[in-house]
Amino acid sequence: MVEHEARKFRTLFLSDVHLGSKGAKANFLLDFLKYHDADTIYLVGDIVDGWRLRRSWHWPQEHNDIVQKLLRKSRKGARILYIAGNHDEFLRDFQGTHFGGIEVMDRTMHETADGRKFLVIHGDQFDVVVRNARHIAYLGDWAYDAALAINTIMNKVRRMLGLRYWSFSAWAKFRVKKTVNFIGSFQTVVSEEARRIGADGVICGHIHHATIEHIDGIEYINTGDWVESCTAIVEHHDGRMELLSWTHLIGELAGFAPVVRLDDKRPKAANAA
């Protein structure tokens, strides 16, 4: 294994890890956290999947390793803020509480090194289905599990053929017209909330669609997820935001898995899912 020093950023944003679900790419995230560090780390919701844990308990060692890795970073001086999402909404009852040095909250404002202000929020508050038709949201969650099961089988075959990881569930999702329309509506509504409170932009998760875009003068940033796309947002020390995708060849891994840069510049859009 080739050793590389960790890249150090001003801020790291992660969301939608879904620890407690079989779809969580915990090993990918462990590798990512090994080679990426930051002064401040935002966990932008759905880090733990309480919905699935209530249905059946699934908590392998690598999920515990993620928790321990984050706690270790906190002990070493990183400030870690946990923004509750809908799958870990139980944490909204503990706003203002510190767990092992990790601060829990519902939303917050982040100021970049170059003085811009970003609303940081999971985003489920602006999902009409999640807020007003919870039974439909649960049904959709079951369908998503089925797509992820297909994803797992397909990638086992790809691994045997020496092919790299590819997300069937993400591919299918973004070819459904209603899903594409929903994403567009979600981005607009969340951006309007940032504008309403006087922020320059918004950083959110929830819809598993990583991107950096400008929407009517508001910088909309979505962190993506660690179930399908394995993406994160980083802030450089000059305030520049960048979307990273941590990709691996499934099968025998050797050396350092590369970071693929999806966007280095503003205001060009970057999409990865």
Protein backbone atom coordinates (compact mmCIF):
# COMPACT_ATOMS: atom_id res chain seq x y z
CA MET A 1 0.00 0.00 0.00
CA VAL A 2 1.42 3.36 -1.00
CA GLU A 3 1.22 5.89 1.85
CA HIS A 4 0.09 9.45 1.14
CA GLU A 5 -0.30 12.36 3.51
CA ALA A 6 -3.82 13.54 4.22
CA ARG A 7 -5.00 16.61 2.31
CA LYS A 8 -5.94 19.36 4.77
CA PHE A 9 -8.86 21.70 4.06
CA ARG A 10 -10.48 24.55 5.93
CA THR A 11 -13.89 22.83 5.95
CA LEU A 12 -15.31 19.44 4.96
CA PHE A 13 -19.02 18.76 4.32
CA LEU A 14 -20.44 15.20 4.28
CA SER A 15 -24.02 13.95 4.25
CA ASP A 16 -26.27 10.96 3.67
CA VAL A 17 -23.90 8.24 4.84
CA HIS A 18 -26.85 6.15 6.13
CA LEU A 19 -24.92 4.18 8.72
CA GLY A 20 -27.14 1.32 9.82
CA SER A 21 -28.20 0.52 6.27
CA LYS A 22 -26.71 -2.16 4.06
CA GLY A 23 -26.24 0.39 1.28
CA ALA A 24 -23.78 2.56 3.20
CA LYS A 25 -20.32 2.60 1.56
CA ALA A 26 -18.59 2.74 4.94
CA ASN A 27 -15.25 1.37 3.72
CA PHE A 28 -15.13 4.02 0.99
CA LEU A 29 -15.77 6.75 3.55
CA LEU A 30 -13.15 5.35 5.92
CA ASP A 31 -10.57 5.58 3.14
CA PHE A 32 -11.72 9.09 2.28
CA LEU A 33 -11.43 10.25 5.90
CA LYS A 34 -7.97 8.72 6.15
CA TYR A 35 -6.69 10.92 3.33
CA HIS A 36 -8.79 14.07 3.93
CA ASP A 37 -8.85 16.28 6.99
CA ALA A 38 -10.28 19.69 7.88
CA ASP A 39 -10.36 22.27 10.65
CA THR A 40 -14.16 22.07 10.66
CA ILE A 41 -16.33 19.12 9.57
CA TYR A 42 -20.06 19.44 8.91
CA LEU A 43 -22.14 16.25 8.96
CA VAL A 44 -25.11 17.47 6.92
CA GLY A 45 -27.76 14.97 7.99
CA ASP A 46 -28.70 11.32 7.50
CA ILE A 47 -25.36 10.16 8.83
CA VAL A 48 -27.18 7.49 10.82
CA ASP A 49 -30.23 5.83 9.26
CA GLY A 50 -32.73 5.56 12.09
CA TRP A 51 -35.53 4.52 9.72
CA ARG A 52 -33.73 1.33 8.70
CA LEU A 53 -32.42 0.60 12.20
CA ARG A 54 -36.00 0.62 13.48
CA ARG A 55 -36.92 -1.99 10.85
CA SER A 56 -33.95 -4.26 11.49
CA TRP A 57 -30.64 -3.84 13.29
CA HIS A 58 -27.61 -3.63 11.00
CA TRP A 59 -24.42 -2.17 12.47
CA PRO A 60 -21.24 -3.90 11.23
CA GLN A 61 -17.79 -3.02 12.55
CA GLU A 62 -16.99 -0.63 9.71
CA HIS A 63 -19.99 1.53 10.67
CA ASN A 64 -18.65 1.75 14.20
CA ASP A 65 -15.21 2.56 12.72
CA ILE A 66 -16.71 5.63 11.00
CA VAL A 67 -18.03 6.92 14.33
CA GLN A 68 -14.70 6.28 16.02
CA LYS A 69 -12.81 7.98 13.17
CA LEU A 70 -14.91 11.12 13.53
CA LEU A 71 -14.57 11.14 17.32
CA ARG A 72 -10.81 10.79 16.91
CA LYS A 73 -10.73 13.80 14.58
CA SER A 74 -12.71 15.75 17.19
CA ARG A 75 -10.23 14.83 19.92
CA LYS A 76 -7.39 16.00 17.69
CA GLY A 77 -8.94 19.45 17.44
CA ALA A 78 -11.40 19.40 14.53
CA ARG A 79 -14.70 21.14 15.18
CA ILE A 80 -17.51 18.79 14.14
CA LEU A 81 -21.11 19.95 13.68
CA TYR A 82 -23.90 17.42 13.14
CA ILE A 83 -26.92 18.79 11.25
CA ALA A 84 -29.86 16.44 11.80
CA GLY A 85 -31.72 15.03 8.77
CA ASN A 86 -34.95 13.10 8.34
CA HIS A 87 -33.38 9.64 8.76
CA ASP A 88 -31.68 10.78 11.98
CA GLU A 89 -34.44 13.18 13.03
CA PHE A 90 -34.33 11.83 16.60
CA LEU A 91 -31.29 14.06 17.05
CA ARG A 92 -33.45 17.16 16.61
CA ASP A 93 -34.55 16.58 20.21
CA PHE A 94 -30.92 17.14 21.26
CA GLN A 95 -30.14 20.45 19.55
CA GLY A 96 -27.35 22.27 21.38
CA THR A 97 -26.06 19.03 22.91
CA HIS A 98 -22.45 17.85 22.53
CA PHE A 99 -21.73 14.14 22.05
CA GLY A 100 -18.02 13.40 22.33
CA GLY A 101 -17.29 16.95 21.21
CA ILE A 102 -19.71 16.79 18.26
CA GLU A 103 -22.29 19.63 18.27
CA VAL A 104 -25.86 18.75 17.27
CA MET A 105 -28.14 21.29 15.55
CA ASP A 106 -30.96 21.60 13.02
CA ARG A 107 -29.34 24.26 10.82
CA THR A 108 -26.51 26.76 11.00
CA MET A 109 -24.69 29.44 9.05
CA HIS A 110 -21.17 28.90 7.73
CA GLU A 111 -18.90 31.79 6.78
CA THR A 112 -16.18 30.99 4.23
CA ALA A 113 -12.64 32.31 4.31
CA ASP A 114 -13.57 34.89 1.66
CA GLY A 115 -16.53 36.18 3.67
CA ARG A 116 -19.50 34.47 1.99
CA LYS A 117 -22.31 33.15 4.19
CA PHE A 118 -23.90 29.75 3.55
CA LEU A 119 -26.99 28.26 5.13
CA VAL A 120 -26.12 24.68 6.11
CA ILE A 121 -29.19 22.46 6.37
CA HIS A 122 -30.06 18.88 5.48
CA GLY A 123 -32.99 19.93 3.30
CA ASP A 124 -35.78 17.53 4.23
CA GLN A 125 -37.67 20.51 5.66
CA PHE A 126 -38.37 21.50 2.05
CA ASP A 127 -39.40 18.05 0.84
CA VAL A 128 -43.21 18.08 0.69
CA VAL A 129 -43.47 14.27 0.72
CA VAL A 130 -41.27 13.87 3.81
CA ARG A 131 -43.07 16.63 5.71
CA ASN A 132 -46.69 15.95 4.72
CA ALA A 133 -46.96 12.35 3.50
CA ARG A 134 -44.60 10.32 5.65
CA HIS A 135 -46.16 6.99 4.65
CA ILE A 136 -45.27 7.72 1.01
CA ALA A 137 -41.74 8.61 2.04
CA TYR A 138 -41.41 5.26 3.84
CA LEU A 139 -42.76 3.45 0.77
CA GLY A 140 -40.22 5.26 -1.39
CA ASP A 141 -37.53 4.20 1.06
CA TRP A 142 -38.44 0.54 0.47
CA ALA A 143 -38.24 1.05 -3.30
CA TYR A 144 -34.84 2.69 -2.88
CA ASP A 145 -33.64 -0.34 -0.89
CA ALA A 146 -34.69 -2.58 -3.80
CA ALA A 147 -32.71 -0.45 -6.26
CA LEU A 148 -29.67 -0.65 -3.98
CA ALA A 149 -30.01 -4.46 -3.81
CA ILE A 150 -29.90 -4.58 -7.62
CA ASN A 151 -26.93 -2.25 -7.43
CA THR A 152 -25.06 -4.67 -5.14
CA ILE A 153 -25.67 -7.69 -7.38
CA MET A 154 -24.69 -5.79 -10.51
CA ASN A 155 -21.43 -4.59 -8.97
CA LYS A 156 -20.49 -8.09 -7.83
CA VAL A 157 -20.66 -9.10 -11.49
CA ARG A 158 -18.70 -5.98 -12.51
CA ARG A 159 -16.05 -6.81 -9.92
CA MET A 160 -15.63 -10.33 -11.35
CA LEU A 161 -15.18 -8.75 -14.78
CA GLY A 162 -12.54 -6.38 -13.46
CA LEU A 163 -14.77 -3.31 -13.93
CA ARG A 164 -14.96 -0.36 -11.55
CA TYR A 165 -17.89 0.51 -9.29
CA TRP A 166 -20.95 1.98 -11.03
CA SER A 167 -24.23 3.02 -9.40
CA PHE A 168 -27.25 1.51 -11.11
CA SER A 169 -29.61 3.18 -8.63
CA ALA A 170 -28.21 6.65 -9.38
CA TRP A 171 -28.32 6.00 -13.13
CA ALA A 172 -31.97 4.88 -12.97
CA LYS A 173 -33.04 7.66 -10.65
CA PHE A 174 -31.84 10.49 -12.85
CA ARG A 175 -33.52 9.07 -15.93
CA VAL A 176 -36.96 9.30 -14.40
CA LYS A 177 -38.56 12.57 -15.48
CA LYS A 178 -40.46 13.12 -12.23
CA THR A 179 -37.25 12.71 -10.23
CA VAL A 180 -35.44 15.24 -12.41
CA ASN A 181 -38.33 17.69 -11.96
CA PHE A 182 -38.30 17.12 -8.19
CA ILE A 183 -34.57 17.85 -7.98
CA GLY A 184 -35.04 21.10 -9.87
CA SER A 185 -37.90 22.16 -7.60
CA PHE A 186 -35.97 21.20 -4.46
CA GLN A 187 -32.93 23.22 -5.55
CA THR A 188 -35.10 26.26 -6.23
CA VAL A 189 -36.97 26.14 -2.91
CA VAL A 190 -33.83 25.61 -0.82
CA SER A 191 -32.05 28.43 -2.66
CA GLU A 192 -35.01 30.72 -1.98
CA GLU A 193 -34.69 29.97 1.74
CA ALA A 194 -31.03 31.02 1.61
CA ARG A 195 -32.03 34.24 -0.14
CA ARG A 196 -34.80 34.89 2.42
CA ILE A 197 -32.37 34.84 5.35
CA GLY A 198 -29.74 36.91 3.53
CA ALA A 199 -27.24 34.13 2.84
CA ASP A 200 -25.02 33.98 -0.25
CA GLY A 201 -25.66 30.29 -0.71
CA VAL A 202 -26.86 27.01 0.75
CA ILE A 203 -25.11 23.72 1.47
CA CYS A 204 -27.46 20.75 1.84
CA GLY A 205 -27.90 17.03 1.25
CA HIS A 206 -31.06 14.87 1.30
CA ILE A 207 -31.60 14.20 -2.43
CA HIS A 208 -28.35 12.28 -3.11
CA HIS A 209 -27.43 14.52 -6.02
CA ALA A 210 -24.04 16.20 -5.62
CA THR A 211 -23.60 19.51 -7.41
CA ILE A 212 -22.32 23.07 -7.26
CA GLU A 213 -24.57 25.47 -9.16
CA HIS A 214 -25.67 29.09 -9.24
CA ILE A 215 -29.45 29.57 -9.09
CA ASP A 216 -30.59 33.17 -9.58
CA GLY A 217 -27.57 34.57 -7.77
CA ILE A 218 -27.55 31.99 -4.95
CA GLU A 219 -24.80 29.38 -4.82
CA TYR A 220 -26.52 26.02 -4.38
CA ILE A 221 -24.26 23.22 -3.15
CA ASN A 222 -25.33 19.64 -2.51
CA THR A 223 -22.93 17.26 -0.80
CA GLY A 224 -24.30 14.11 -2.45
CA ASP A 225 -24.13 10.87 -0.47
CA TRP A 226 -22.11 7.79 0.55
CA VAL A 227 -24.63 5.24 -0.71
CA GLU A 228 -24.35 5.88 -4.46
CA SER A 229 -22.01 8.66 -5.56
CA CYS A 230 -19.55 8.81 -2.62
CA THR A 231 -19.03 12.56 -2.75
CA ALA A 232 -18.07 15.40 -0.43
CA ILE A 233 -17.69 19.17 -0.51
CA VAL A 234 -14.49 20.82 0.68
CA GLU A 235 -13.66 24.45 1.31
CA HIS A 236 -10.08 25.43 0.53
CA HIS A 237 -8.24 27.90 2.74
CA ASP A 238 -8.99 30.70 0.29
CA GLY A 239 -12.76 30.04 0.52
CA ARG A 240 -13.04 28.19 -2.79
CA MET A 241 -15.55 25.34 -2.77
CA GLU A 242 -14.83 22.05 -4.52
CA LEU A 243 -16.85 18.90 -5.09
CA LEU A 244 -14.87 15.68 -4.65
CA SER A 245 -15.83 12.15 -5.70
CA TRP A 246 -14.03 9.28 -4.01
CA THR A 247 -13.93 6.46 -6.54
CA HIS A 248 -12.56 2.96 -6.20
CA LEU A 249 -12.03 -0.01 -8.40
CA ILE A 250 -14.06 -2.78 -6.85
CA GLY A 251 -12.00 -5.89 -6.36
CA GLU A 252 -8.33 -5.91 -5.50
CA LEU A 253 -7.21 -2.44 -4.51
CA ALA A 254 -3.61 -1.37 -4.51
CA GLY A 255 -2.06 1.98 -3.77
CA PHE A 256 -3.86 5.26 -3.23
CA ALA A 257 -7.38 5.58 -4.59
CA PRO A 258 -7.52 8.87 -6.52
CA VAL A 259 -9.75 11.81 -5.90
CA VAL A 260 -11.64 12.89 -9.00
CA ARG A 261 -12.16 16.64 -9.13
CA LEU A 262 -15.60 17.41 -10.42
CA ASP A 263 -15.35 21.17 -10.14
CA ASP A 264 -12.55 23.53 -9.26
CA LYS A 265 -14.02 26.83 -10.32
CA ARG A 266 -16.89 29.13 -9.61
CA PRO A 267 -19.45 29.75 -11.01
CA LYS A 268 -19.42 26.73 -13.37
CA ALA A 269 -21.83 23.97 -12.41
CA ALA A 270 -20.59 20.55 -11.43
CA ASN A 271 -22.76 17.46 -11.36
CA ALA A 272 -21.94 14.06 -9.99
CA ALA A 273 -24.37 11.37 -9.05
